[in-house]
Amino acid sequence: MLTWLDRARRDVLTVHPRGDVTRAEAGVFATRSPHRPNPVGVHRVRLLEVTGARVRVDALEALDGTPVVDLKPVLDGER
């Protein structure tokens, strides 16, 4: 599942890992920071149900209301 992380800041390039100011700053791509210059999220989920425009999935690590950009299948050999 591809999502648009609409609440992420796009002007932050370095952060203290896990918000711990005692640790040295690192680039956002070297951390799990939600702040990204490219706010597209990639999530491996299990599709549970599709009802109209609603999609129900299992184990999505995103905030409620995060826009879904696209759904892609897992190709054989990548499970």
C-alpha atoms as a PDB file:
ATOM      1  CA  MET A   1       0.000   0.000   0.000  1.00  0.00           C
ATOM      2  CA  LEU A   2       1.293   3.439  -0.910  1.00  0.00           C
ATOM      3  CA  THR A   3       0.156   6.313   1.296  1.00  0.00           C
ATOM      4  CA  TRP A   4       0.654  10.069   1.275  1.00  0.00           C
ATOM      5  CA  LEU A   5       2.064  11.041   4.677  1.00  0.00           C
ATOM      6  CA  ASP A   6       0.179  14.329   4.670  1.00  0.00           C
ATOM      7  CA  ARG A   7       1.122  15.378   8.212  1.00  0.00           C
ATOM      8  CA  ALA A   8       4.883  14.956   7.747  1.00  0.00           C
ATOM      9  CA  ARG A   9       7.083  18.034   7.528  1.00  0.00           C
ATOM     10  CA  ARG A  10       9.039  18.290   4.304  1.00  0.00           C
ATOM     11  CA  ASP A  11      11.558  20.921   5.372  1.00  0.00           C
ATOM     12  CA  VAL A  12      13.364  18.799   7.996  1.00  0.00           C
ATOM     13  CA  LEU A  13      16.479  16.976   6.778  1.00  0.00           C
ATOM     14  CA  THR A  14      18.174  16.034  10.071  1.00  0.00           C
ATOM     15  CA  VAL A  15      16.687  14.864  13.370  1.00  0.00           C
ATOM     16  CA  HIS A  16      17.803  13.505  16.722  1.00  0.00           C
ATOM     17  CA  PRO A  17      17.079   9.740  16.539  1.00  0.00           C
ATOM     18  CA  ARG A  18      13.865   8.919  18.444  1.00  0.00           C
ATOM     19  CA  GLY A  19      13.657  12.572  19.514  1.00  0.00           C
ATOM     20  CA  ASP A  20      16.499  12.048  22.013  1.00  0.00           C
ATOM     21  CA  VAL A  21      18.470  15.318  22.019  1.00  0.00           C
ATOM     22  CA  THR A  22      21.407  13.602  23.758  1.00  0.00           C
ATOM     23  CA  ARG A  23      22.014  11.639  20.548  1.00  0.00           C
ATOM     24  CA  ALA A  24      23.736  13.235  17.567  1.00  0.00           C
ATOM     25  CA  GLU A  25      21.569  14.431  14.706  1.00  0.00           C
ATOM     26  CA  ALA A  26      21.241  12.081  11.752  1.00  0.00           C
ATOM     27  CA  GLY A  27      19.653  12.404   8.315  1.00  0.00           C
ATOM     28  CA  VAL A  28      15.944  11.589   8.124  1.00  0.00           C
ATOM     29  CA  PHE A  29      16.635   8.702   5.721  1.00  0.00           C
ATOM     30  CA  ALA A  30      18.960   7.069   8.291  1.00  0.00           C
ATOM     31  CA  THR A  31      16.231   7.124  10.957  1.00  0.00           C
ATOM     32  CA  ARG A  32      12.580   6.175  11.292  1.00  0.00           C
ATOM     33  CA  SER A  33      11.621   9.837  11.336  1.00  0.00           C
ATOM     34  CA  PRO A  34       8.159  10.646  10.004  1.00  0.00           C
ATOM     35  CA  HIS A  35       9.545  13.855   8.500  1.00  0.00           C
ATOM     36  CA  ARG A  36      10.487  13.163   4.887  1.00  0.00           C
ATOM     37  CA  PRO A  37      11.173  15.324   1.841  1.00  0.00           C
ATOM     38  CA  ASN A  38       9.253  12.658  -0.120  1.00  0.00           C
ATOM     39  CA  PRO A  39       6.173  11.847   1.981  1.00  0.00           C
ATOM     40  CA  VAL A  40       5.151   8.660   0.160  1.00  0.00           C
ATOM     41  CA  GLY A  41       4.811   5.764   2.588  1.00  0.00           C
ATOM     42  CA  VAL A  42       5.253   2.147   1.508  1.00  0.00           C
ATOM     43  CA  HIS A  43       3.494  -0.404   3.708  1.00  0.00           C
ATOM     44  CA  ARG A  44       3.211  -4.173   3.384  1.00  0.00           C
ATOM     45  CA  VAL A  45      -0.328  -4.994   4.549  1.00  0.00           C
ATOM     46  CA  ARG A  46      -2.860  -7.787   4.300  1.00  0.00           C
ATOM     47  CA  LEU A  47      -6.053  -6.768   2.504  1.00  0.00           C
ATOM     48  CA  LEU A  48      -9.116  -7.739   4.564  1.00  0.00           C
ATOM     49  CA  GLU A  49     -12.054  -6.077   2.808  1.00  0.00           C
ATOM     50  CA  VAL A  50     -13.003  -3.614   0.073  1.00  0.00           C
ATOM     51  CA  THR A  51     -16.377  -1.875   0.373  1.00  0.00           C
ATOM     52  CA  GLY A  52     -16.929   0.875  -2.182  1.00  0.00           C
ATOM     53  CA  ALA A  53     -14.150   3.419  -1.654  1.00  0.00           C
ATOM     54  CA  ARG A  54     -13.196   1.953   1.751  1.00  0.00           C
ATOM     55  CA  VAL A  55     -10.298  -0.461   2.131  1.00  0.00           C
ATOM     56  CA  ARG A  56      -9.757  -2.457   5.316  1.00  0.00           C
ATOM     57  CA  VAL A  57      -6.237  -3.795   5.923  1.00  0.00           C
ATOM     58  CA  ASP A  58      -4.334  -5.477   8.723  1.00  0.00           C
ATOM     59  CA  ALA A  59      -1.178  -4.116  10.375  1.00  0.00           C
ATOM     60  CA  LEU A  60      -0.955  -0.684   8.728  1.00  0.00           C
ATOM     61  CA  GLU A  61       1.521   1.634  10.443  1.00  0.00           C
ATOM     62  CA  ALA A  62      -0.117   4.989   9.638  1.00  0.00           C
ATOM     63  CA  LEU A  63      -2.438   7.498  11.288  1.00  0.00           C
ATOM     64  CA  ASP A  64      -6.204   7.282  10.800  1.00  0.00           C
ATOM     65  CA  GLY A  65      -7.238   9.318   7.781  1.00  0.00           C
ATOM     66  CA  THR A  66      -3.893   9.012   5.981  1.00  0.00           C
ATOM     67  CA  PRO A  67      -4.652   9.209   2.240  1.00  0.00           C
ATOM     68  CA  VAL A  68      -4.103   5.996   0.257  1.00  0.00           C
ATOM     69  CA  VAL A  69      -2.355   6.622  -3.065  1.00  0.00           C
ATOM     70  CA  ASP A  70      -2.332   3.107  -4.505  1.00  0.00           C
ATOM     71  CA  LEU A  71      -2.491  -0.614  -3.759  1.00  0.00           C
ATOM     72  CA  LYS A  72      -0.021  -3.013  -5.343  1.00  0.00           C
ATOM     73  CA  PRO A  73      -0.043  -6.830  -5.167  1.00  0.00           C
ATOM     74  CA  VAL A  74       2.876  -8.827  -3.840  1.00  0.00           C
ATOM     75  CA  LEU A  75       4.367 -10.618  -6.832  1.00  0.00           C
ATOM     76  CA  ASP A  76       5.196 -14.333  -6.692  1.00  0.00           C
ATOM     77  CA  GLY A  77       8.539 -14.985  -5.048  1.00  0.00           C
ATOM     78  CA  GLU A  78       8.340 -11.842  -2.883  1.00  0.00           C
ATOM     79  CA  ARG A  79       6.131 -13.156  -0.070  1.00  0.00           C
END
